[in-house]
Amino acid sequence: MRSKCRKAFQNSLLKTTLSVTLPILFALFCCTPSTPFAEGDLASPKNLDDTAASLAERLVQQGNLAGKPILISANDLYESRSRLSLPLAILLRGKLITEMKQRGCRVLLPGADAENAMILQGTWQKQGDNLRIDLKVMKLGPSGPEAAASASESVPLNMIDQESLTPDRESWARYLVRKLEANAINPARRTLHMGDFQIKGKQCSDDLGAYLAGWIRPALAESRMFLPLDQQKALKGVSVASLRTRGTRAFRPVAAKPEEATSLTADLLKADGEMKGSAWLHQKKVEVRIRVNDRQGQQFTAASADVPSKLFPQYLLQTPAKDNNNQGSTSHPSAGAISKDGLKVELTTTRGEARPFYRNGEHIKFVIRLNRSAFIYLFDLDPKGNAILLYPVGDNGQLARGGQCGAMPKPNVPIILPEDGCSYDLVVTEPYGTDRVWVVAAESHLDFPGNLAGDWSRANELVNRLRTRGLSGQGGYAEAQVEVVTGP
């Protein structure tokens, strides 16, 4: 009897349970969403375009960014492990600019005043078969930078071009500029004069210093802190009288160390600071060091990196072969400035020293400055290997050893040629090309033929002979050069 009652109770309980649970299970099955609620659930793979759109949408909504100014620079997008701003940064930046604009944001381009703008920053890292992208929009709050919005998405690696994840030269340039910003003592925006890099130690192509300056410039132009000046544009229309005033060091404090003082071109540009770069060649890397000084010569930021040498054109890293049969070659032992016993001479043009370009019929003007009194000699070394004396010359076109042309200029006060000195004009005519203009300063006269006849008229011989005499003679000796490009 008890057994029959127990069995009947169990059957009744089973029927009751099924009558309750089956409708609930059916309802849950019907209400299950067909799309994932969050990242990581099953979904169709996203490509980079879809990911950028999703990230932009979430950032704008979360931070209420519509109408807000936002600076988006490739320098601020980088791989989290290596810290390199890989080529993916350029792709991602372009897509984010488009998506943020479509959602009503005021996207600022490099060079814009970003003082009151928010800044988009982002990193990415590999996670298994995916690439996780983390973005945040930063604003300046009362207690410093703070995140206004953040978002993350993952993209399958097979949806991304692998070359965009491979470091190139520009990746390292953007990395260095970001380090300069991070290491800055004062994050205020500054206009900068950029000179060619100085190449230390191992001999290489004379063009490497100019190449490295050109290599870092685009990344510097993307910076929110630095504005590299275009020398030809910045000096256009500036009068000779104004250039003379700007170039006079006596009107402003002089740096404690001569090598830390801003250059003549930086002074003529009235730049807020000056970037100086150096590089050392090693077997598998190019060691790059950059520092930025203010107008008083004080360093306020610096950065360095070991860039794989395979990323640079190999001809720049090799010593040019000497051609003994080519008497017109203008190669010489050193392309950098030389200083003996502390004497320093600077040379630039009224369009700067970064290979200024002059057209047919235009007048060329040179600006020279010494740190102490000395005799100066200016030569044109043309593409055919000929040497021509430009200063000091007399009315007969030969070396002037006395009078106004041969006088010692005052230290720290620029002289502008041809205005200060001999009465001649430098007008561009054919043949066109690239001329190397070379200035020599010495505290004692350098003897050489006034008409530069014979071997003295060959650029190689002139440079080597005068350099040998200057370095072995009494007193200080210095030299500098600038390349001038002419065309129709």
Protein backbone atom coordinates (compact mmCIF):
# COMPACT_ATOMS: atom_id res chain seq x y z
CA MET A 1 0.00 0.00 0.00
CA ARG A 2 2.79 2.43 0.91
CA SER A 3 4.69 1.47 -2.26
CA LYS A 4 1.69 2.27 -4.46
CA CYS A 5 1.16 5.65 -2.75
CA ARG A 6 4.84 6.62 -3.14
CA LYS A 7 4.83 5.74 -6.86
CA ALA A 8 1.68 7.76 -7.47
CA PHE A 9 3.28 10.81 -5.70
CA GLN A 10 6.44 10.59 -7.83
CA ASN A 11 4.44 10.37 -11.05
CA SER A 12 2.38 13.38 -9.98
CA LEU A 13 5.57 15.38 -9.13
CA LEU A 14 7.15 14.55 -12.49
CA LYS A 15 4.08 15.74 -14.39
CA THR A 16 3.96 18.93 -12.37
CA THR A 17 7.69 19.61 -12.97
CA LEU A 18 7.43 19.05 -16.71
CA SER A 19 4.36 21.25 -16.94
CA VAL A 20 6.35 24.10 -15.36
CA THR A 21 9.83 23.69 -16.83
CA LEU A 22 8.97 22.96 -20.46
CA PRO A 23 7.24 26.35 -21.05
CA ILE A 24 10.14 28.13 -19.32
CA LEU A 25 12.75 26.35 -21.47
CA PHE A 26 10.71 27.06 -24.60
CA ALA A 27 10.48 30.75 -23.67
CA LEU A 28 14.21 31.00 -22.97
CA PHE A 29 15.02 29.33 -26.28
CA CYS A 30 12.78 31.70 -28.21
CA CYS A 31 14.17 34.79 -26.44
CA THR A 32 17.88 33.94 -26.99
CA PRO A 33 19.40 36.87 -29.00
CA SER A 34 20.78 36.07 -32.48
CA THR A 35 23.70 38.56 -32.07
CA PRO A 36 26.33 38.74 -29.31
CA PHE A 37 25.91 41.20 -26.44
CA ALA A 38 29.62 41.85 -25.98
CA GLU A 39 33.02 41.37 -27.50
CA GLY A 40 34.15 37.76 -27.41
CA ASP A 41 30.74 36.17 -28.14
CA LEU A 42 30.22 34.36 -31.45
CA ALA A 43 29.89 36.83 -34.35
CA SER A 44 31.00 37.31 -37.94
CA PRO A 45 34.69 38.46 -38.04
CA LYS A 46 35.23 42.21 -38.30
CA ASN A 47 37.74 43.83 -40.62
CA LEU A 48 39.67 47.00 -39.75
CA ASP A 49 37.05 49.27 -41.32
CA ASP A 50 34.24 47.80 -39.24
CA THR A 51 36.39 47.89 -36.11
CA ALA A 52 37.28 51.57 -36.59
CA ALA A 53 33.59 52.41 -37.10
CA SER A 54 32.58 50.52 -33.96
CA LEU A 55 35.33 52.09 -31.87
CA ALA A 56 34.50 55.60 -33.07
CA GLU A 57 30.79 55.09 -32.36
CA ARG A 58 31.43 53.95 -28.81
CA LEU A 59 33.95 56.71 -28.07
CA VAL A 60 31.67 59.47 -29.33
CA GLN A 61 28.64 58.16 -27.43
CA GLN A 62 30.50 57.47 -24.21
CA GLY A 63 32.36 60.79 -24.11
CA ASN A 64 29.65 62.92 -25.73
CA LEU A 65 32.32 64.03 -28.21
CA ALA A 66 30.14 65.42 -30.99
CA GLY A 67 31.31 68.97 -31.76
CA LYS A 68 34.42 68.59 -29.60
CA PRO A 69 37.95 69.25 -31.00
CA ILE A 70 40.03 66.07 -31.07
CA LEU A 71 43.63 65.70 -32.22
CA ILE A 72 44.41 62.39 -33.92
CA SER A 73 48.08 61.76 -34.66
CA ALA A 74 49.76 58.58 -35.85
CA ASN A 75 52.47 59.22 -33.24
CA ASP A 76 49.92 58.43 -30.49
CA LEU A 77 48.97 55.03 -31.94
CA TYR A 78 51.48 52.24 -31.34
CA GLU A 79 52.11 48.62 -30.45
CA SER A 80 52.02 48.16 -26.68
CA ARG A 81 55.01 45.78 -26.48
CA SER A 82 57.60 47.44 -28.75
CA ARG A 83 56.10 50.96 -28.34
CA LEU A 84 56.67 51.43 -32.08
CA SER A 85 54.15 53.38 -34.10
CA LEU A 86 53.98 50.76 -36.87
CA PRO A 87 52.47 51.37 -40.33
CA LEU A 88 49.14 50.22 -38.87
CA ALA A 89 49.07 53.57 -37.06
CA ILE A 90 48.76 55.39 -40.39
CA LEU A 91 45.91 53.14 -41.55
CA LEU A 92 44.10 53.34 -38.24
CA ARG A 93 44.50 57.09 -38.00
CA GLY A 94 42.99 57.63 -41.45
CA LYS A 95 39.99 55.43 -40.70
CA LEU A 96 39.39 57.00 -37.29
CA ILE A 97 39.54 60.52 -38.73
CA THR A 98 36.82 59.60 -41.25
CA GLU A 99 34.60 57.86 -38.69
CA MET A 100 34.96 60.54 -36.01
CA LYS A 101 34.14 63.28 -38.51
CA GLN A 102 31.01 61.42 -39.65
CA ARG A 103 29.86 61.39 -36.05
CA GLY A 104 30.21 65.16 -35.65
CA CYS A 105 33.65 65.50 -34.06
CA ARG A 106 35.99 68.37 -34.95
CA VAL A 107 39.08 66.44 -35.94
CA LEU A 108 42.25 68.53 -35.87
CA LEU A 109 45.10 67.98 -38.30
CA PRO A 110 48.81 68.16 -37.37
CA GLY A 111 49.96 71.73 -36.83
CA ALA A 112 46.62 72.91 -35.44
CA ASP A 113 46.48 74.59 -32.06
CA ALA A 114 45.79 71.65 -29.77
CA GLU A 115 45.98 73.52 -26.46
CA ASN A 116 42.29 73.04 -25.63
CA ALA A 117 41.72 69.93 -27.72
CA MET A 118 41.28 66.38 -26.55
CA ILE A 119 43.80 63.80 -27.74
CA LEU A 120 43.06 60.34 -29.07
CA GLN A 121 45.58 57.74 -27.97
CA GLY A 122 45.69 54.03 -28.67
CA THR A 123 47.68 50.84 -28.45
CA TRP A 124 47.30 47.34 -29.83
CA GLN A 125 48.61 43.91 -28.95
CA LYS A 126 48.33 40.37 -30.30
CA GLN A 127 46.08 37.99 -28.37
CA GLY A 128 46.12 34.55 -29.95
CA ASP A 129 44.69 34.85 -33.45
CA ASN A 130 43.36 38.35 -32.80
CA LEU A 131 44.69 41.87 -32.51
CA ARG A 132 43.18 43.79 -29.60
CA ILE A 133 42.94 47.57 -30.12
CA ASP A 134 42.48 49.81 -27.09
CA LEU A 135 41.61 53.48 -27.61
CA LYS A 136 40.98 56.34 -25.23
CA VAL A 137 40.26 60.04 -25.62
CA MET A 138 42.17 62.17 -23.14
CA LYS A 139 41.26 65.63 -21.89
CA LEU A 140 43.04 68.00 -19.55
CA GLY A 141 41.22 68.00 -16.23
CA PRO A 142 41.84 70.03 -13.03
CA SER A 143 44.29 67.41 -11.75
CA GLY A 144 45.92 66.63 -15.11
CA PRO A 145 45.11 64.43 -18.13
CA GLU A 146 42.13 62.15 -17.67
CA ALA A 147 40.19 59.79 -19.94
CA ALA A 148 36.97 61.16 -21.37
CA ALA A 149 36.11 57.92 -23.19
CA SER A 150 37.61 54.51 -23.88
CA ALA A 151 36.79 51.53 -26.07
CA SER A 152 38.32 48.22 -27.12
CA GLU A 153 37.78 45.84 -30.02
CA SER A 154 39.50 42.73 -31.38
CA VAL A 155 40.23 42.09 -35.05
CA PRO A 156 41.25 38.69 -36.46
CA LEU A 157 44.89 38.88 -37.53
CA ASN A 158 44.01 37.37 -40.89
CA MET A 159 41.93 40.50 -41.55
CA ILE A 160 45.01 42.76 -41.26
CA ASP A 161 47.81 43.24 -43.77
CA GLN A 162 50.89 41.81 -42.07
CA GLU A 163 53.12 44.51 -43.61
CA SER A 164 51.25 47.06 -41.51
CA LEU A 165 52.55 45.23 -38.42
CA THR A 166 56.17 45.23 -39.63
CA PRO A 167 58.44 48.09 -38.41
CA ASP A 168 59.76 50.48 -41.07
CA ARG A 169 61.92 53.62 -40.90
CA GLU A 170 58.96 55.88 -40.22
CA SER A 171 57.86 53.67 -37.29
CA TRP A 172 61.09 54.56 -35.50
CA ALA A 173 60.78 58.25 -36.37
CA ARG A 174 57.32 58.41 -34.80
CA TYR A 175 58.65 56.50 -31.79
CA LEU A 176 61.42 59.07 -31.25
CA VAL A 177 59.06 62.04 -31.51
CA ARG A 178 56.68 60.48 -28.99
CA LYS A 179 59.62 60.00 -26.61
CA LEU A 180 60.57 63.67 -27.07
CA GLU A 181 57.05 64.66 -26.06
CA ALA A 182 56.99 62.30 -23.09
CA ASN A 183 60.40 63.47 -21.82
CA ALA A 184 59.71 67.20 -22.18
CA ILE A 185 60.12 69.27 -19.02
CA ASN A 186 57.53 71.78 -20.19
CA PRO A 187 54.86 70.48 -22.61
CA ALA A 188 54.22 73.90 -24.17
CA ARG A 189 54.05 74.05 -27.97
CA ARG A 190 57.26 75.31 -29.62
CA THR A 191 58.42 76.28 -33.09
CA LEU A 192 61.64 74.45 -33.92
CA HIS A 193 64.58 74.90 -36.21
CA MET A 194 65.95 71.60 -37.49
CA GLY A 195 69.53 71.23 -38.62
CA ASP A 196 71.20 68.27 -40.31
CA PHE A 197 72.30 65.42 -38.05
CA GLN A 198 75.96 65.19 -37.11
CA ILE A 199 77.46 61.83 -37.99
CA LYS A 200 79.99 60.62 -35.45
CA GLY A 201 82.77 58.08 -35.76
CA LYS A 202 82.56 55.80 -38.79
CA GLN A 203 82.91 57.39 -42.22
CA CYS A 204 79.83 57.32 -44.44
CA SER A 205 78.10 59.30 -47.17
CA ASP A 206 78.10 63.07 -46.75
CA ASP A 207 74.33 62.97 -47.37
CA LEU A 208 73.43 60.87 -44.31
CA GLY A 209 73.09 63.87 -41.96
CA ALA A 210 70.64 65.62 -44.28
CA TYR A 211 68.79 62.34 -44.89
CA LEU A 212 68.21 61.76 -41.17
CA ALA A 213 66.88 65.30 -40.74
CA GLY A 214 64.45 64.67 -43.60
CA TRP A 215 63.54 61.29 -42.10
CA ILE A 216 62.49 62.71 -38.71
CA ARG A 217 60.70 65.81 -40.08
CA PRO A 218 57.32 64.23 -41.08
CA ALA A 219 56.94 62.62 -37.65
CA LEU A 220 57.88 65.92 -36.00
CA ALA A 221 55.24 67.67 -38.12
CA GLU A 222 52.66 65.21 -36.66
CA SER A 223 53.63 66.26 -33.14
CA ARG A 224 51.22 68.12 -30.88
CA MET A 225 54.15 69.81 -29.13
CA PHE A 226 56.60 70.82 -31.87
CA LEU A 227 56.17 72.78 -35.07
CA PRO A 228 59.21 72.42 -37.39
CA LEU A 229 59.78 75.60 -39.35
CA ASP A 230 60.16 75.69 -43.11
CA GLN A 231 63.26 77.83 -43.46
CA GLN A 232 62.54 79.17 -46.93
CA LYS A 233 58.96 80.12 -46.07
CA ALA A 234 59.74 81.51 -42.61
CA LEU A 235 62.52 83.77 -43.90
CA LYS A 236 60.71 84.91 -47.03
CA GLY A 237 60.26 88.67 -47.09
CA VAL A 238 62.38 89.32 -43.99
CA SER A 239 64.49 92.43 -44.60
CA VAL A 240 68.28 92.50 -44.37
CA ALA A 241 68.05 94.94 -41.47
CA SER A 242 65.75 92.58 -39.57
CA LEU A 243 68.00 89.60 -40.26
CA ARG A 244 70.97 91.56 -38.98
CA THR A 245 69.16 92.33 -35.73
CA ARG A 246 67.93 88.78 -35.24
CA GLY A 247 71.38 87.35 -35.85
CA THR A 248 73.20 89.53 -33.31
CA ARG A 249 73.88 87.53 -30.18
CA ALA A 250 74.77 90.61 -28.17
CA PHE A 251 71.05 91.44 -27.98
CA ARG A 252 70.19 88.31 -26.00
CA PRO A 253 71.82 86.01 -23.41
CA VAL A 254 74.59 83.73 -24.67
CA ALA A 255 74.59 80.08 -23.57
CA ALA A 256 77.15 79.05 -20.99
CA LYS A 257 78.66 76.54 -23.42
CA PRO A 258 79.23 77.64 -27.05
CA GLU A 259 78.10 74.26 -28.40
CA GLU A 260 74.74 74.68 -26.64
CA ALA A 261 73.99 78.07 -28.14
CA THR A 262 71.30 78.22 -30.81
CA SER A 263 72.55 78.33 -34.38
CA LEU A 264 72.61 81.34 -36.64
CA THR A 265 69.69 80.01 -38.70
CA ALA A 266 67.61 79.37 -35.57
CA ASP A 267 68.24 82.96 -34.47
CA LEU A 268 67.26 84.32 -37.90
CA LEU A 269 64.06 82.26 -37.76
CA LYS A 270 63.29 83.45 -34.21
CA ALA A 271 62.51 79.81 -33.38
CA ASP A 272 61.42 78.88 -29.86
CA GLY A 273 63.90 76.02 -29.85
CA GLU A 274 66.31 73.99 -31.92
CA MET A 275 66.52 70.27 -32.54
CA LYS A 276 70.03 68.83 -32.75
CA GLY A 277 70.59 65.25 -33.83
CA SER A 278 73.59 62.94 -33.78
CA ALA A 279 74.08 59.44 -35.15
CA TRP A 280 76.64 56.66 -34.77
CA LEU A 281 76.97 53.82 -37.27
CA HIS A 282 77.31 50.30 -35.89
CA GLN A 283 77.33 46.93 -37.61
CA LYS A 284 73.59 46.26 -37.43
CA LYS A 285 72.15 49.50 -36.11
CA VAL A 286 72.24 53.26 -36.39
CA GLU A 287 72.32 54.82 -32.94
CA VAL A 288 70.26 58.01 -33.09
CA ARG A 289 70.22 60.68 -30.40
CA ILE A 290 68.08 63.82 -30.47
CA ARG A 291 67.91 66.74 -28.11
CA VAL A 292 65.87 69.94 -28.19
CA ASN A 293 67.23 73.15 -26.68
CA ASP A 294 65.43 76.39 -25.94
CA ARG A 295 66.61 79.86 -27.03
CA GLN A 296 68.99 80.06 -24.06
CA GLY A 297 70.63 76.78 -25.05
CA GLN A 298 69.08 74.78 -22.21
CA GLN A 299 67.97 71.24 -23.06
CA PHE A 300 64.33 70.58 -22.25
CA THR A 301 63.87 67.16 -23.86
CA ALA A 302 65.85 64.35 -25.47
CA ALA A 303 65.33 60.90 -26.96
CA SER A 304 67.40 58.08 -28.41
CA ALA A 305 66.91 54.81 -30.28
CA ASP A 306 68.89 52.04 -31.96
CA VAL A 307 67.37 51.78 -35.43
CA PRO A 308 68.18 48.66 -37.47
CA SER A 309 70.63 49.73 -40.17
CA LYS A 310 68.90 47.53 -42.77
CA LEU A 311 66.01 50.02 -42.81
CA PHE A 312 68.18 52.78 -44.30
CA PRO A 313 69.50 53.01 -47.86
CA GLN A 314 72.80 51.16 -47.71
CA TYR A 315 74.69 53.62 -49.92
CA LEU A 316 74.28 56.23 -47.18
CA LEU A 317 76.04 54.01 -44.64
CA GLN A 318 79.12 53.36 -46.74
CA THR A 319 82.18 55.48 -47.35
CA PRO A 320 82.06 56.77 -50.95
CA ALA A 321 84.74 55.21 -53.12
CA LYS A 322 87.47 57.63 -54.10
CA ASP A 323 87.79 58.22 -57.81
CA ASN A 324 91.37 59.29 -58.39
CA ASN A 325 90.73 59.77 -62.09
CA ASN A 326 87.84 62.18 -61.53
CA GLN A 327 89.44 65.50 -60.81
CA GLY A 328 86.05 67.15 -60.68
CA SER A 329 84.93 65.23 -57.62
CA THR A 330 84.06 67.52 -54.71
CA SER A 331 84.33 64.90 -51.99
CA HIS A 332 86.57 65.85 -49.10
CA PRO A 333 87.68 64.45 -45.73
CA SER A 334 84.81 65.86 -43.69
CA ALA A 335 81.39 67.30 -44.40
CA GLY A 336 80.76 68.61 -40.90
CA ALA A 337 81.77 71.85 -39.24
CA ILE A 338 85.36 72.02 -37.93
CA SER A 339 86.54 74.06 -34.95
CA LYS A 340 90.05 74.46 -33.57
CA ASP A 341 90.92 76.25 -30.32
CA GLY A 342 87.28 77.21 -29.74
CA LEU A 343 86.84 79.37 -32.85
CA LYS A 344 83.45 78.88 -34.47
CA VAL A 345 82.08 80.16 -37.78
CA GLU A 346 78.47 79.81 -38.96
CA LEU A 347 77.19 80.07 -42.49
CA THR A 348 73.63 80.24 -43.80
CA THR A 349 71.60 82.06 -46.45
CA THR A 350 68.61 84.35 -46.36
CA ARG A 351 66.61 81.19 -47.12
CA GLY A 352 68.22 79.00 -44.49
CA GLU A 353 70.90 76.34 -44.73
CA ALA A 354 68.76 73.30 -45.64
CA ARG A 355 69.75 73.23 -49.32
CA PRO A 356 67.96 76.49 -50.20
CA PHE A 357 66.62 76.69 -53.74
CA TYR A 358 67.11 79.73 -55.98
CA ARG A 359 65.69 80.24 -59.46
CA ASN A 360 67.24 81.88 -62.48
CA GLY A 361 67.71 85.62 -61.96
CA GLU A 362 67.28 85.53 -58.18
CA HIS A 363 69.86 87.08 -55.86
CA ILE A 364 71.67 84.89 -53.33
CA LYS A 365 72.69 86.36 -50.00
CA PHE A 366 74.93 84.70 -47.42
CA VAL A 367 74.99 85.34 -43.67
CA ILE A 368 78.16 84.63 -41.66
CA ARG A 369 78.75 84.87 -37.91
CA LEU A 370 81.82 84.33 -35.74
CA ASN A 371 82.06 83.76 -32.01
CA ARG A 372 85.26 85.83 -31.92
CA SER A 373 87.15 88.01 -34.38
CA ALA A 374 88.93 86.23 -37.22
CA PHE A 375 89.63 86.51 -40.93
CA ILE A 376 87.03 84.82 -43.10
CA TYR A 377 87.19 83.45 -46.64
CA LEU A 378 84.16 82.33 -48.63
CA PHE A 379 84.39 79.98 -51.63
CA ASP A 380 82.00 78.48 -54.14
CA LEU A 381 82.81 74.83 -54.96
CA ASP A 382 80.76 74.06 -58.07
CA PRO A 383 79.49 70.65 -59.30
CA LYS A 384 82.40 70.37 -61.76
CA GLY A 385 84.94 70.59 -58.97
CA ASN A 386 86.02 74.19 -59.56
CA ALA A 387 86.73 76.61 -56.71
CA ILE A 388 85.83 80.30 -56.92
CA LEU A 389 86.63 82.91 -54.29
CA LEU A 390 83.54 84.89 -53.23
CA TYR A 391 84.91 86.85 -50.27
CA PRO A 392 87.02 88.88 -49.74
CA VAL A 393 87.56 90.05 -53.32
CA GLY A 394 88.62 93.36 -54.76
CA ASP A 395 87.42 95.15 -57.87
CA ASN A 396 89.65 92.91 -60.00
CA GLY A 397 87.86 89.79 -58.71
CA GLN A 398 90.94 88.55 -56.85
CA LEU A 399 91.67 88.08 -53.17
CA ALA A 400 91.61 91.37 -51.25
CA ARG A 401 94.10 91.42 -48.39
CA GLY A 402 93.42 94.84 -46.95
CA GLY A 403 90.77 97.49 -46.54
CA GLN A 404 87.13 96.78 -45.90
CA CYS A 405 87.10 93.37 -47.59
CA GLY A 406 89.97 92.05 -45.54
CA ALA A 407 88.94 93.42 -42.15
CA MET A 408 88.06 91.14 -39.25
CA PRO A 409 84.28 91.09 -38.64
CA LYS A 410 83.05 91.71 -35.10
CA PRO A 411 82.22 88.63 -33.02
CA ASN A 412 78.55 87.63 -32.58
CA VAL A 413 77.45 90.18 -35.17
CA PRO A 414 76.43 88.75 -38.55
CA ILE A 415 77.79 90.01 -41.84
CA ILE A 416 75.57 89.72 -44.89
CA LEU A 417 77.15 89.30 -48.30
CA PRO A 418 77.31 91.02 -50.67
CA GLU A 419 75.90 93.96 -48.64
CA ASP A 420 78.77 93.96 -46.11
CA GLY A 421 82.04 94.10 -47.98
CA CYS A 422 82.82 93.82 -51.64
CA SER A 423 80.61 95.38 -54.27
CA TYR A 424 79.33 92.49 -56.36
CA ASP A 425 76.05 90.66 -56.85
CA LEU A 426 75.38 86.92 -56.75
CA VAL A 427 72.71 86.30 -59.37
CA VAL A 428 71.61 82.81 -60.44
CA THR A 429 72.46 81.96 -64.05
CA GLU A 430 73.14 78.77 -65.97
CA PRO A 431 74.53 76.17 -65.52
CA TYR A 432 72.22 75.10 -62.70
CA GLY A 433 72.89 72.45 -60.08
CA THR A 434 74.06 72.05 -56.49
CA ASP A 435 76.98 74.19 -55.33
CA ARG A 436 78.77 73.75 -52.03
CA VAL A 437 79.59 77.11 -50.49
CA TRP A 438 82.45 76.82 -48.00
CA VAL A 439 83.53 79.37 -45.39
CA VAL A 440 86.88 79.33 -43.58
CA ALA A 441 87.78 81.39 -40.52
CA ALA A 442 91.27 81.79 -39.11
CA GLU A 443 92.84 84.08 -36.53
CA SER A 444 95.87 84.49 -38.78
CA HIS A 445 95.97 85.04 -42.55
CA LEU A 446 95.87 81.96 -44.76
CA ASP A 447 98.23 82.31 -47.71
CA PHE A 448 96.96 81.24 -51.11
CA PRO A 449 97.09 82.71 -54.66
CA GLY A 450 94.72 85.59 -55.15
CA ASN A 451 93.54 84.34 -58.53
CA LEU A 452 93.21 80.64 -57.55
CA ALA A 453 95.20 79.50 -60.56
CA GLY A 454 96.36 75.96 -61.33
CA ASP A 455 95.72 73.30 -58.68
CA TRP A 456 94.34 75.96 -56.35
CA SER A 457 91.31 76.27 -58.64
CA ARG A 458 90.34 72.63 -57.99
CA ALA A 459 87.92 72.25 -55.09
CA ASN A 460 89.63 69.17 -53.65
CA GLU A 461 93.06 70.76 -53.60
CA LEU A 462 91.82 74.06 -52.21
CA VAL A 463 89.90 72.44 -49.35
CA ASN A 464 92.71 70.09 -48.37
CA ARG A 465 95.47 72.69 -48.56
CA LEU A 466 93.65 75.43 -46.64
CA ARG A 467 92.42 72.98 -44.03
CA THR A 468 95.93 71.63 -43.48
CA ARG A 469 97.37 75.13 -43.11
CA GLY A 470 94.59 76.28 -40.82
CA LEU A 471 94.76 73.28 -38.50
CA SER A 472 98.57 73.34 -38.31
CA GLY A 473 98.95 77.12 -37.99
CA GLN A 474 98.78 79.38 -34.98
CA GLY A 475 95.51 80.52 -33.43
CA GLY A 476 91.99 79.31 -33.98
CA TYR A 477 90.59 77.82 -37.15
CA ALA A 478 87.04 76.95 -38.16
CA GLU A 479 84.96 76.13 -41.21
CA ALA A 480 81.37 75.49 -42.22
CA GLN A 481 79.44 74.90 -45.40
CA VAL A 482 76.01 75.06 -46.99
CA GLU A 483 74.70 73.53 -50.21
CA VAL A 484 72.79 75.82 -52.55
CA VAL A 485 70.54 74.42 -55.27
CA THR A 486 69.80 76.47 -58.40
CA GLY A 487 67.38 75.87 -61.24
CA PRO A 488 65.38 77.58 -64.03
